[in-house]
Amino acid sequence: MDKIIRGKAYKFGNNIDTDQIYPGRYLELTEPAAIARHALEGADPAFCTRFQPGGIVVGGTNFGCGSSREHAAIALQSAGVSLVVAESFARIFFRNAINLGLPLLVCPGIANRVQEGDELEVNLETGTVQNLTRGEEYRGERLSAYVLNILAAGGIKPLMRAKFEKRAL
């Protein structure tokens, strides 16, 4: 996992819930490619047709509120979202995303500073967000070494698998 992520911003507002990120009517889908086709469909039905993999989702407050289902994070990750930067996250969504290896960054005020299509460069280690389009820098909350370790492993399952395999040797 790169600690520096660069991509085009796709902007959303406050209280984007898990049903907007991945509508519950698609819960029977199991293949990541099929799940990806419905990412953020509840908030923007055209998102998947205009989204370019590697893009960065920017949200307001309480991103990922709602149910505790992992499908929301899976949908974003499967669609190719490289990172979600928001003013705040629902606690369960934050943990689900990190556990699945999808980087998130809390950055107060980000929703009022970034416009759709801005080119962003985010340093997960320092918590800084560079808006390359506007020549601005914003301070987010640094991710802990523990969280960075989970992300570097590709999620909590690969991290634990590697840890237990190492012990078995």
N, C-alpha and C. Protein backbone atom coordinates (compact mmCIF):
# COMPACT_ATOMS: atom_id res chain seq x y z
N MET A 1 0.83 -1.17 0.00
CA MET A 1 0.00 0.00 0.00
C MET A 1 0.88 1.24 0.00
N ASP A 2 0.56 2.14 -0.88
CA ASP A 2 1.29 3.40 -0.92
C ASP A 2 0.80 4.30 0.21
N LYS A 3 1.73 4.97 0.86
CA LYS A 3 1.35 5.91 1.90
C LYS A 3 0.98 7.26 1.31
N ILE A 4 1.32 7.46 0.04
CA ILE A 4 0.92 8.67 -0.67
C ILE A 4 -0.01 8.25 -1.80
N ILE A 5 -1.22 8.80 -1.78
CA ILE A 5 -2.25 8.45 -2.75
C ILE A 5 -2.64 9.71 -3.51
N ARG A 6 -2.67 9.57 -4.84
CA ARG A 6 -3.02 10.71 -5.69
C ARG A 6 -4.20 10.32 -6.56
N GLY A 7 -5.17 11.23 -6.68
CA GLY A 7 -6.32 10.93 -7.52
C GLY A 7 -7.27 12.10 -7.64
N LYS A 8 -8.24 11.92 -8.51
CA LYS A 8 -9.27 12.91 -8.78
C LYS A 8 -10.34 12.82 -7.70
N ALA A 9 -10.82 13.98 -7.24
CA ALA A 9 -11.84 14.03 -6.18
C ALA A 9 -13.24 13.84 -6.75
N TYR A 10 -14.02 13.01 -6.05
CA TYR A 10 -15.44 12.80 -6.32
C TYR A 10 -16.15 13.19 -5.03
N LYS A 11 -16.89 14.27 -5.08
CA LYS A 11 -17.38 14.91 -3.85
C LYS A 11 -18.82 14.52 -3.51
N PHE A 12 -19.03 14.28 -2.21
CA PHE A 12 -20.34 13.97 -1.66
C PHE A 12 -20.55 14.81 -0.41
N GLY A 13 -21.79 14.87 0.05
CA GLY A 13 -22.14 15.71 1.19
C GLY A 13 -22.07 15.01 2.52
N ASN A 14 -22.86 15.50 3.45
CA ASN A 14 -22.93 14.96 4.81
C ASN A 14 -23.86 13.76 4.88
N ASN A 15 -23.64 12.92 5.87
CA ASN A 15 -24.53 11.80 6.21
C ASN A 15 -24.76 10.84 5.04
N ILE A 16 -23.71 10.55 4.31
CA ILE A 16 -23.81 9.53 3.26
C ILE A 16 -23.82 8.18 3.97
N ASP A 17 -24.99 7.54 3.96
CA ASP A 17 -25.13 6.30 4.73
C ASP A 17 -24.77 5.07 3.90
N THR A 18 -24.68 3.94 4.58
CA THR A 18 -24.24 2.72 3.92
C THR A 18 -25.21 2.27 2.84
N ASP A 19 -26.48 2.63 2.96
CA ASP A 19 -27.45 2.28 1.93
C ASP A 19 -27.28 3.15 0.69
N GLN A 20 -26.76 4.35 0.85
CA GLN A 20 -26.44 5.18 -0.31
C GLN A 20 -25.13 4.70 -0.95
N ILE A 21 -24.21 4.24 -0.13
CA ILE A 21 -22.93 3.73 -0.64
C ILE A 21 -23.14 2.41 -1.37
N TYR A 22 -23.98 1.55 -0.79
CA TYR A 22 -24.29 0.26 -1.43
C TYR A 22 -25.71 -0.13 -1.04
N PRO A 23 -26.68 0.14 -1.94
CA PRO A 23 -28.08 -0.13 -1.64
C PRO A 23 -28.33 -1.59 -1.23
N GLY A 24 -29.14 -1.74 -0.19
CA GLY A 24 -29.42 -3.05 0.37
C GLY A 24 -30.07 -4.03 -0.59
N ARG A 25 -30.72 -3.53 -1.63
CA ARG A 25 -31.38 -4.44 -2.58
C ARG A 25 -30.39 -5.30 -3.37
N TYR A 26 -29.09 -4.99 -3.26
CA TYR A 26 -28.07 -5.76 -3.98
C TYR A 26 -27.28 -6.70 -3.07
N LEU A 27 -27.74 -6.89 -1.85
CA LEU A 27 -26.98 -7.69 -0.89
C LEU A 27 -26.76 -9.14 -1.33
N GLU A 28 -27.58 -9.64 -2.24
CA GLU A 28 -27.39 -11.03 -2.68
C GLU A 28 -26.19 -11.18 -3.61
N LEU A 29 -25.66 -10.08 -4.14
CA LEU A 29 -24.48 -10.15 -5.01
C LEU A 29 -23.25 -10.50 -4.19
N THR A 30 -22.40 -11.34 -4.75
CA THR A 30 -21.20 -11.77 -4.02
C THR A 30 -19.90 -11.51 -4.76
N GLU A 31 -19.97 -11.34 -6.05
CA GLU A 31 -18.76 -11.09 -6.83
C GLU A 31 -18.38 -9.62 -6.74
N PRO A 32 -17.10 -9.32 -6.42
CA PRO A 32 -16.68 -7.92 -6.29
C PRO A 32 -17.01 -7.05 -7.50
N ALA A 33 -16.88 -7.58 -8.71
CA ALA A 33 -17.17 -6.78 -9.91
C ALA A 33 -18.65 -6.41 -9.98
N ALA A 34 -19.52 -7.33 -9.58
CA ALA A 34 -20.96 -7.05 -9.58
C ALA A 34 -21.30 -6.03 -8.48
N ILE A 35 -20.68 -6.17 -7.33
CA ILE A 35 -20.89 -5.24 -6.22
C ILE A 35 -20.42 -3.84 -6.63
N ALA A 36 -19.27 -3.77 -7.29
CA ALA A 36 -18.67 -2.48 -7.69
C ALA A 36 -19.60 -1.67 -8.58
N ARG A 37 -20.39 -2.33 -9.41
CA ARG A 37 -21.28 -1.62 -10.34
C ARG A 37 -22.35 -0.79 -9.63
N HIS A 38 -22.50 -0.99 -8.32
CA HIS A 38 -23.55 -0.28 -7.58
C HIS A 38 -22.98 0.65 -6.51
N ALA A 39 -21.67 0.87 -6.54
CA ALA A 39 -21.04 1.75 -5.54
C ALA A 39 -21.62 3.16 -5.63
N LEU A 40 -21.99 3.69 -4.50
CA LEU A 40 -22.54 5.04 -4.34
C LEU A 40 -23.77 5.32 -5.20
N GLU A 41 -24.42 4.27 -5.65
CA GLU A 41 -25.60 4.40 -6.50
C GLU A 41 -26.74 5.15 -5.79
N GLY A 42 -26.86 4.96 -4.49
CA GLY A 42 -27.93 5.63 -3.75
C GLY A 42 -27.70 7.13 -3.59
N ALA A 43 -26.48 7.57 -3.69
CA ALA A 43 -26.15 8.99 -3.58
C ALA A 43 -26.03 9.65 -4.95
N ASP A 44 -25.56 8.89 -5.93
CA ASP A 44 -25.37 9.40 -7.28
C ASP A 44 -25.50 8.22 -8.26
N PRO A 45 -26.67 8.03 -8.86
CA PRO A 45 -26.88 6.89 -9.77
C PRO A 45 -25.88 6.82 -10.92
N ALA A 46 -25.26 7.92 -11.29
CA ALA A 46 -24.31 7.94 -12.40
C ALA A 46 -22.86 7.78 -11.94
N PHE A 47 -22.63 7.59 -10.64
CA PHE A 47 -21.27 7.54 -10.13
C PHE A 47 -20.39 6.54 -10.88
N CYS A 48 -20.84 5.33 -11.03
CA CYS A 48 -20.00 4.29 -11.64
C CYS A 48 -19.72 4.53 -13.12
N THR A 49 -20.57 5.29 -13.78
CA THR A 49 -20.31 5.58 -15.19
C THR A 49 -19.29 6.69 -15.37
N ARG A 50 -19.15 7.56 -14.38
CA ARG A 50 -18.19 8.67 -14.50
C ARG A 50 -16.93 8.47 -13.68
N PHE A 51 -16.95 7.55 -12.74
CA PHE A 51 -15.82 7.33 -11.85
C PHE A 51 -14.66 6.69 -12.60
N GLN A 52 -13.45 7.18 -12.32
CA GLN A 52 -12.23 6.59 -12.86
C GLN A 52 -11.49 5.90 -11.72
N PRO A 53 -11.18 4.60 -11.86
CA PRO A 53 -10.48 3.90 -10.78
C PRO A 53 -9.25 4.66 -10.31
N GLY A 54 -9.04 4.64 -9.00
CA GLY A 54 -7.95 5.40 -8.40
C GLY A 54 -8.43 6.72 -7.84
N GLY A 55 -9.67 7.07 -8.13
CA GLY A 55 -10.22 8.32 -7.63
C GLY A 55 -10.39 8.32 -6.12
N ILE A 56 -10.52 9.52 -5.58
CA ILE A 56 -10.66 9.72 -4.14
C ILE A 56 -12.05 10.26 -3.85
N VAL A 57 -12.78 9.58 -3.00
CA VAL A 57 -14.10 10.05 -2.58
C VAL A 57 -13.90 11.03 -1.43
N VAL A 58 -14.53 12.19 -1.55
CA VAL A 58 -14.47 13.23 -0.52
C VAL A 58 -15.88 13.40 0.04
N GLY A 59 -15.98 13.33 1.36
CA GLY A 59 -17.29 13.45 2.00
C GLY A 59 -17.30 14.48 3.09
N GLY A 60 -18.49 14.79 3.53
CA GLY A 60 -18.68 15.72 4.64
C GLY A 60 -18.62 14.97 5.96
N THR A 61 -19.53 15.29 6.85
CA THR A 61 -19.56 14.67 8.16
C THR A 61 -20.36 13.37 8.13
N ASN A 62 -19.99 12.46 9.03
CA ASN A 62 -20.74 11.23 9.29
C ASN A 62 -20.80 10.30 8.08
N PHE A 63 -19.75 10.25 7.29
CA PHE A 63 -19.70 9.38 6.12
C PHE A 63 -19.76 7.93 6.59
N GLY A 64 -20.63 7.14 5.97
CA GLY A 64 -20.73 5.72 6.29
C GLY A 64 -21.66 5.41 7.45
N CYS A 65 -22.52 6.36 7.82
CA CYS A 65 -23.48 6.08 8.90
C CYS A 65 -24.49 5.04 8.40
N GLY A 66 -25.27 4.52 9.31
CA GLY A 66 -26.30 3.55 8.93
C GLY A 66 -25.96 2.17 9.43
N SER A 67 -26.16 1.18 8.59
CA SER A 67 -25.98 -0.21 9.02
C SER A 67 -24.51 -0.56 9.18
N SER A 68 -24.27 -1.69 9.79
CA SER A 68 -22.90 -2.14 10.04
C SER A 68 -22.38 -3.07 8.96
N ARG A 69 -23.14 -3.25 7.89
CA ARG A 69 -22.71 -4.20 6.86
C ARG A 69 -21.41 -3.76 6.18
N GLU A 70 -20.57 -4.73 5.89
CA GLU A 70 -19.28 -4.47 5.25
C GLU A 70 -19.41 -4.15 3.76
N HIS A 71 -20.57 -4.44 3.20
CA HIS A 71 -20.76 -4.27 1.76
C HIS A 71 -20.44 -2.86 1.27
N ALA A 72 -20.68 -1.86 2.10
CA ALA A 72 -20.41 -0.48 1.68
C ALA A 72 -18.92 -0.30 1.38
N ALA A 73 -18.08 -0.74 2.29
CA ALA A 73 -16.63 -0.63 2.07
C ALA A 73 -16.19 -1.52 0.92
N ILE A 74 -16.76 -2.70 0.83
CA ILE A 74 -16.42 -3.62 -0.27
C ILE A 74 -16.77 -2.99 -1.62
N ALA A 75 -17.92 -2.34 -1.71
CA ALA A 75 -18.35 -1.71 -2.96
C ALA A 75 -17.37 -0.63 -3.39
N LEU A 76 -16.98 0.23 -2.45
CA LEU A 76 -16.02 1.30 -2.78
C LEU A 76 -14.69 0.72 -3.22
N GLN A 77 -14.20 -0.23 -2.45
CA GLN A 77 -12.91 -0.85 -2.77
C GLN A 77 -12.96 -1.56 -4.12
N SER A 78 -14.03 -2.31 -4.37
CA SER A 78 -14.16 -3.05 -5.62
C SER A 78 -14.31 -2.14 -6.82
N ALA A 79 -14.89 -0.95 -6.62
CA ALA A 79 -15.03 0.02 -7.71
C ALA A 79 -13.70 0.69 -8.05
N GLY A 80 -12.71 0.55 -7.17
CA GLY A 80 -11.41 1.15 -7.44
C GLY A 80 -11.16 2.45 -6.70
N VAL A 81 -12.00 2.76 -5.70
CA VAL A 81 -11.77 3.95 -4.89
C VAL A 81 -10.46 3.73 -4.13
N SER A 82 -9.53 4.66 -4.26
CA SER A 82 -8.23 4.50 -3.61
C SER A 82 -8.22 4.97 -2.17
N LEU A 83 -9.18 5.86 -1.83
CA LEU A 83 -9.18 6.49 -0.51
C LEU A 83 -10.49 7.24 -0.34
N VAL A 84 -10.97 7.32 0.90
CA VAL A 84 -12.08 8.19 1.24
C VAL A 84 -11.56 9.19 2.25
N VAL A 85 -11.72 10.48 1.95
CA VAL A 85 -11.36 11.56 2.87
C VAL A 85 -12.67 12.25 3.24
N ALA A 86 -12.93 12.36 4.54
CA ALA A 86 -14.17 13.00 4.97
C ALA A 86 -13.93 13.76 6.27
N GLU A 87 -14.87 14.62 6.59
CA GLU A 87 -14.76 15.39 7.83
C GLU A 87 -14.91 14.51 9.05
N SER A 88 -15.75 13.49 8.95
CA SER A 88 -15.87 12.49 10.00
C SER A 88 -16.51 11.23 9.41
N PHE A 89 -16.30 10.12 10.10
CA PHE A 89 -16.83 8.83 9.67
C PHE A 89 -17.65 8.20 10.79
N ALA A 90 -18.64 7.42 10.40
CA ALA A 90 -19.31 6.57 11.37
C ALA A 90 -18.29 5.54 11.84
N ARG A 91 -18.29 5.28 13.14
CA ARG A 91 -17.27 4.43 13.75
C ARG A 91 -17.20 3.03 13.12
N ILE A 92 -18.34 2.38 12.91
CA ILE A 92 -18.33 1.02 12.38
C ILE A 92 -17.86 1.01 10.93
N PHE A 93 -18.29 1.97 10.13
CA PHE A 93 -17.83 2.04 8.75
C PHE A 93 -16.32 2.23 8.71
N PHE A 94 -15.80 3.11 9.56
CA PHE A 94 -14.36 3.36 9.59
C PHE A 94 -13.62 2.05 9.86
N ARG A 95 -14.05 1.32 10.85
CA ARG A 95 -13.36 0.07 11.21
C ARG A 95 -13.51 -0.97 10.11
N ASN A 96 -14.70 -1.10 9.53
CA ASN A 96 -14.89 -2.05 8.43
C ASN A 96 -13.95 -1.75 7.27
N ALA A 97 -13.87 -0.48 6.89
CA ALA A 97 -13.03 -0.10 5.75
C ALA A 97 -11.57 -0.41 6.03
N ILE A 98 -11.08 -0.01 7.19
CA ILE A 98 -9.68 -0.28 7.54
C ILE A 98 -9.43 -1.79 7.55
N ASN A 99 -10.33 -2.54 8.17
CA ASN A 99 -10.16 -4.00 8.24
C ASN A 99 -10.14 -4.64 6.86
N LEU A 100 -10.81 -4.03 5.90
CA LEU A 100 -10.81 -4.55 4.53
C LEU A 100 -9.65 -4.00 3.69
N GLY A 101 -8.90 -3.05 4.25
CA GLY A 101 -7.75 -2.50 3.54
C GLY A 101 -8.06 -1.26 2.71
N LEU A 102 -9.21 -0.63 2.95
CA LEU A 102 -9.58 0.60 2.25
C LEU A 102 -9.17 1.79 3.11
N PRO A 103 -8.21 2.59 2.67
CA PRO A 103 -7.76 3.73 3.47
C PRO A 103 -8.83 4.82 3.62
N LEU A 104 -8.90 5.36 4.82
CA LEU A 104 -9.78 6.49 5.14
C LEU A 104 -8.95 7.53 5.86
N LEU A 105 -9.32 8.79 5.69
CA LEU A 105 -8.63 9.86 6.40
C LEU A 105 -9.65 10.90 6.85
N VAL A 106 -9.61 11.24 8.12
CA VAL A 106 -10.44 12.31 8.66
C VAL A 106 -9.72 13.63 8.41
N CYS A 107 -10.42 14.58 7.79
CA CYS A 107 -9.84 15.89 7.51
C CYS A 107 -10.91 16.95 7.71
N PRO A 108 -10.93 17.58 8.88
CA PRO A 108 -11.93 18.60 9.17
C PRO A 108 -11.93 19.72 8.12
N GLY A 109 -13.12 20.09 7.67
CA GLY A 109 -13.27 21.18 6.71
C GLY A 109 -13.05 20.81 5.26
N ILE A 110 -12.71 19.57 4.97
CA ILE A 110 -12.36 19.16 3.60
C ILE A 110 -13.51 19.39 2.60
N ALA A 111 -14.74 19.18 3.04
CA ALA A 111 -15.89 19.29 2.13
C ALA A 111 -16.07 20.71 1.58
N ASN A 112 -15.65 21.71 2.32
CA ASN A 112 -15.78 23.09 1.86
C ASN A 112 -14.58 23.57 1.07
N ARG A 113 -13.53 22.79 1.04
CA ARG A 113 -12.30 23.22 0.38
C ARG A 113 -12.05 22.55 -0.96
N VAL A 114 -12.61 21.39 -1.15
CA VAL A 114 -12.36 20.59 -2.36
C VAL A 114 -13.59 20.64 -3.26
N GLN A 115 -13.33 20.75 -4.55
CA GLN A 115 -14.40 20.71 -5.55
C GLN A 115 -14.29 19.42 -6.35
N GLU A 116 -15.40 19.00 -6.88
CA GLU A 116 -15.44 17.83 -7.75
C GLU A 116 -14.38 17.99 -8.85
N GLY A 117 -13.57 16.97 -9.06
CA GLY A 117 -12.57 16.98 -10.11
C GLY A 117 -11.21 17.50 -9.70
N ASP A 118 -11.09 18.10 -8.51
CA ASP A 118 -9.77 18.56 -8.05
C ASP A 118 -8.82 17.36 -7.95
N GLU A 119 -7.58 17.60 -8.27
CA GLU A 119 -6.54 16.57 -8.14
C GLU A 119 -5.95 16.67 -6.74
N LEU A 120 -6.03 15.56 -5.99
CA LEU A 120 -5.55 15.53 -4.62
C LEU A 120 -4.38 14.58 -4.46
N GLU A 121 -3.51 14.91 -3.53
CA GLU A 121 -2.42 14.02 -3.14
C GLU A 121 -2.45 13.94 -1.61
N VAL A 122 -2.64 12.74 -1.10
CA VAL A 122 -2.84 12.53 0.33
C VAL A 122 -1.70 11.68 0.89
N ASN A 123 -1.10 12.17 1.97
CA ASN A 123 -0.06 11.43 2.66
C ASN A 123 -0.70 10.82 3.90
N LEU A 124 -0.90 9.51 3.89
CA LEU A 124 -1.56 8.83 5.00
C LEU A 124 -0.74 8.87 6.28
N GLU A 125 0.55 8.91 6.13
CA GLU A 125 1.43 8.91 7.30
C GLU A 125 1.41 10.24 8.05
N THR A 126 1.36 11.34 7.31
CA THR A 126 1.37 12.66 7.95
C THR A 126 -0.03 13.24 8.10
N GLY A 127 -0.99 12.71 7.35
CA GLY A 127 -2.35 13.23 7.39
C GLY A 127 -2.56 14.49 6.57
N THR A 128 -1.63 14.81 5.69
CA THR A 128 -1.78 16.02 4.89
C THR A 128 -2.47 15.72 3.56
N VAL A 129 -3.26 16.68 3.13
CA VAL A 129 -3.95 16.60 1.85
C VAL A 129 -3.50 17.79 1.03
N GLN A 130 -2.88 17.52 -0.10
CA GLN A 130 -2.48 18.57 -1.04
C GLN A 130 -3.55 18.65 -2.12
N ASN A 131 -4.12 19.83 -2.31
CA ASN A 131 -5.03 20.06 -3.42
C ASN A 131 -4.16 20.64 -4.52
N LEU A 132 -3.76 19.79 -5.45
CA LEU A 132 -2.84 20.20 -6.51
C LEU A 132 -3.51 21.16 -7.49
N THR A 133 -4.81 21.07 -7.63
CA THR A 133 -5.56 21.95 -8.52
C THR A 133 -5.57 23.38 -7.99
N ARG A 134 -5.74 23.53 -6.69
CA ARG A 134 -5.88 24.86 -6.07
C ARG A 134 -4.62 25.35 -5.38
N GLY A 135 -3.59 24.50 -5.29
CA GLY A 135 -2.36 24.89 -4.62
C GLY A 135 -2.53 25.09 -3.13
N GLU A 136 -3.37 24.26 -2.50
CA GLU A 136 -3.63 24.37 -1.07
C GLU A 136 -3.25 23.08 -0.35
N GLU A 137 -3.01 23.23 0.95
CA GLU A 137 -2.74 22.07 1.80
C GLU A 137 -3.67 22.08 3.00
N TYR A 138 -4.19 20.91 3.35
CA TYR A 138 -5.10 20.77 4.48
C TYR A 138 -4.52 19.74 5.45
N ARG A 139 -4.80 19.94 6.71
CA ARG A 139 -4.31 19.03 7.76
C ARG A 139 -5.42 18.07 8.17
N GLY A 140 -5.16 16.80 7.95
CA GLY A 140 -6.06 15.76 8.41
C GLY A 140 -5.49 15.10 9.65
N GLU A 141 -6.18 14.10 10.15
CA GLU A 141 -5.71 13.36 11.32
C GLU A 141 -4.82 12.21 10.86
N ARG A 142 -3.62 12.18 11.39
CA ARG A 142 -2.68 11.11 11.04
C ARG A 142 -3.25 9.75 11.42
N LEU A 143 -2.99 8.78 10.59
CA LEU A 143 -3.37 7.41 10.92
C LEU A 143 -2.32 6.82 11.86
N SER A 144 -2.75 6.01 12.78
CA SER A 144 -1.83 5.40 13.73
C SER A 144 -0.96 4.37 13.01
N ALA A 145 0.15 4.03 13.63
CA ALA A 145 1.03 3.00 13.08
C ALA A 145 0.28 1.67 12.98
N TYR A 146 -0.59 1.41 13.93
CA TYR A 146 -1.39 0.18 13.92
C TYR A 146 -2.29 0.13 12.68
N VAL A 147 -2.99 1.23 12.39
CA VAL A 147 -3.87 1.28 11.23
C VAL A 147 -3.05 1.21 9.94
N LEU A 148 -1.94 1.91 9.87
CA LEU A 148 -1.08 1.86 8.69
C LEU A 148 -0.57 0.44 8.45
N ASN A 149 -0.29 -0.28 9.51
CA ASN A 149 0.16 -1.67 9.41
C ASN A 149 -0.94 -2.56 8.81
N ILE A 150 -2.18 -2.36 9.26
CA ILE A 150 -3.31 -3.11 8.70
C ILE A 150 -3.46 -2.81 7.22
N LEU A 151 -3.42 -1.53 6.86
CA LEU A 151 -3.57 -1.13 5.45
C LEU A 151 -2.43 -1.68 4.60
N ALA A 152 -1.21 -1.63 5.12
CA ALA A 152 -0.04 -2.13 4.37
C ALA A 152 -0.17 -3.63 4.08
N ALA A 153 -0.82 -4.35 4.98
CA ALA A 153 -1.00 -5.80 4.80
C ALA A 153 -2.15 -6.12 3.85
N GLY A 154 -2.96 -5.10 3.51
CA GLY A 154 -4.10 -5.34 2.65
C GLY A 154 -5.38 -5.63 3.43
N GLY A 155 -5.34 -5.41 4.73
CA GLY A 155 -6.51 -5.63 5.58
C GLY A 155 -6.15 -6.48 6.78
N ILE A 156 -7.10 -6.62 7.68
CA ILE A 156 -6.85 -7.35 8.93
C ILE A 156 -6.67 -8.84 8.70
N LYS A 157 -7.42 -9.44 7.78
CA LYS A 157 -7.28 -10.88 7.54
C LYS A 157 -5.90 -11.23 6.99
N PRO A 158 -5.42 -10.53 5.96
CA PRO A 158 -4.07 -10.84 5.49
C PRO A 158 -3.00 -10.59 6.56
N LEU A 159 -3.21 -9.56 7.38
CA LEU A 159 -2.25 -9.28 8.46
C LEU A 159 -2.21 -10.44 9.45
N MET A 160 -3.37 -10.91 9.87
CA MET A 160 -3.42 -12.02 10.83
C MET A 160 -2.92 -13.31 10.22
N ARG A 161 -3.27 -13.53 8.96
CA ARG A 161 -2.80 -14.74 8.27
C ARG A 161 -1.28 -14.77 8.25
N ALA A 162 -0.67 -13.66 7.88
CA ALA A 162 0.81 -13.57 7.84
C ALA A 162 1.40 -13.76 9.24
N LYS A 163 0.76 -13.20 10.22
CA LYS A 163 1.25 -13.32 11.60
C LYS A 163 1.23 -14.78 12.06
N PHE A 164 0.13 -15.49 11.78
CA PHE A 164 0.02 -16.87 12.21
C PHE A 164 0.90 -17.81 11.38
N GLU A 165 1.08 -17.51 10.11
CA GLU A 165 1.99 -18.31 9.28
C GLU A 165 3.41 -18.18 9.78
N LYS A 166 3.79 -16.97 10.20
CA LYS A 166 5.13 -16.73 10.72
C LYS A 166 5.34 -17.53 12.01
N ARG A 167 4.33 -17.59 12.84
CA ARG A 167 4.42 -18.35 14.09
C ARG A 167 4.55 -19.83 13.84
N ALA A 168 3.91 -20.32 12.76
CA ALA A 168 3.92 -21.74 12.46
C ALA A 168 5.27 -22.24 11.97
N LEU A 169 6.13 -21.33 11.52
CA LEU A 169 7.44 -21.74 11.00
C LEU A 169 8.36 -22.18 12.06
